[in-house]
């Protein structure tokens, strides 16, 4: 069970492998798409309605991130190679302490950010290196099946 303090003000997350099932579907016309579980979309809505700040830091570019960002006022950082630099700029922008934000990620490009965050969370399908980070919390729910919502529920309830 995910344990988070009442002091959290901001949720900062990776996208693919957290909100999606970590799969890319390549259509016959060459376009790509991803599946998003409505539980996770509702998670963004719950955070928005409860006044939490949110940011997505993704290594890929994805129109779904743009749509969610516009709808729920999520800060949107895409095609990012050094996520820790963006994480630090967000922390500085809002003057956040270690007790005021969480970082959620699942793969090597999230490693530095997860190590930097006091409250780091990943999913069962994360790569081994991520799951070995000291004090990382792991959701019971898989990515793309409501893992993000599990975290939201732990934060809001």
Foldseek 3Di string as FASTA:
>chain_A
DAAADLQAQEEEEEPQFAQFLNDWDQDPVRDIDTAGDVLLLVLLVLCLVVNGAYEYAYLADDVVQVVSCVVRVHHYHYNDQQVVVVVVVVCVVVVHDLRHYEYEDAEDSCQVVQLVHPAYEYEPPGDPSNVPRPPYHYAPDGHRGNNNSSVSVNNPD
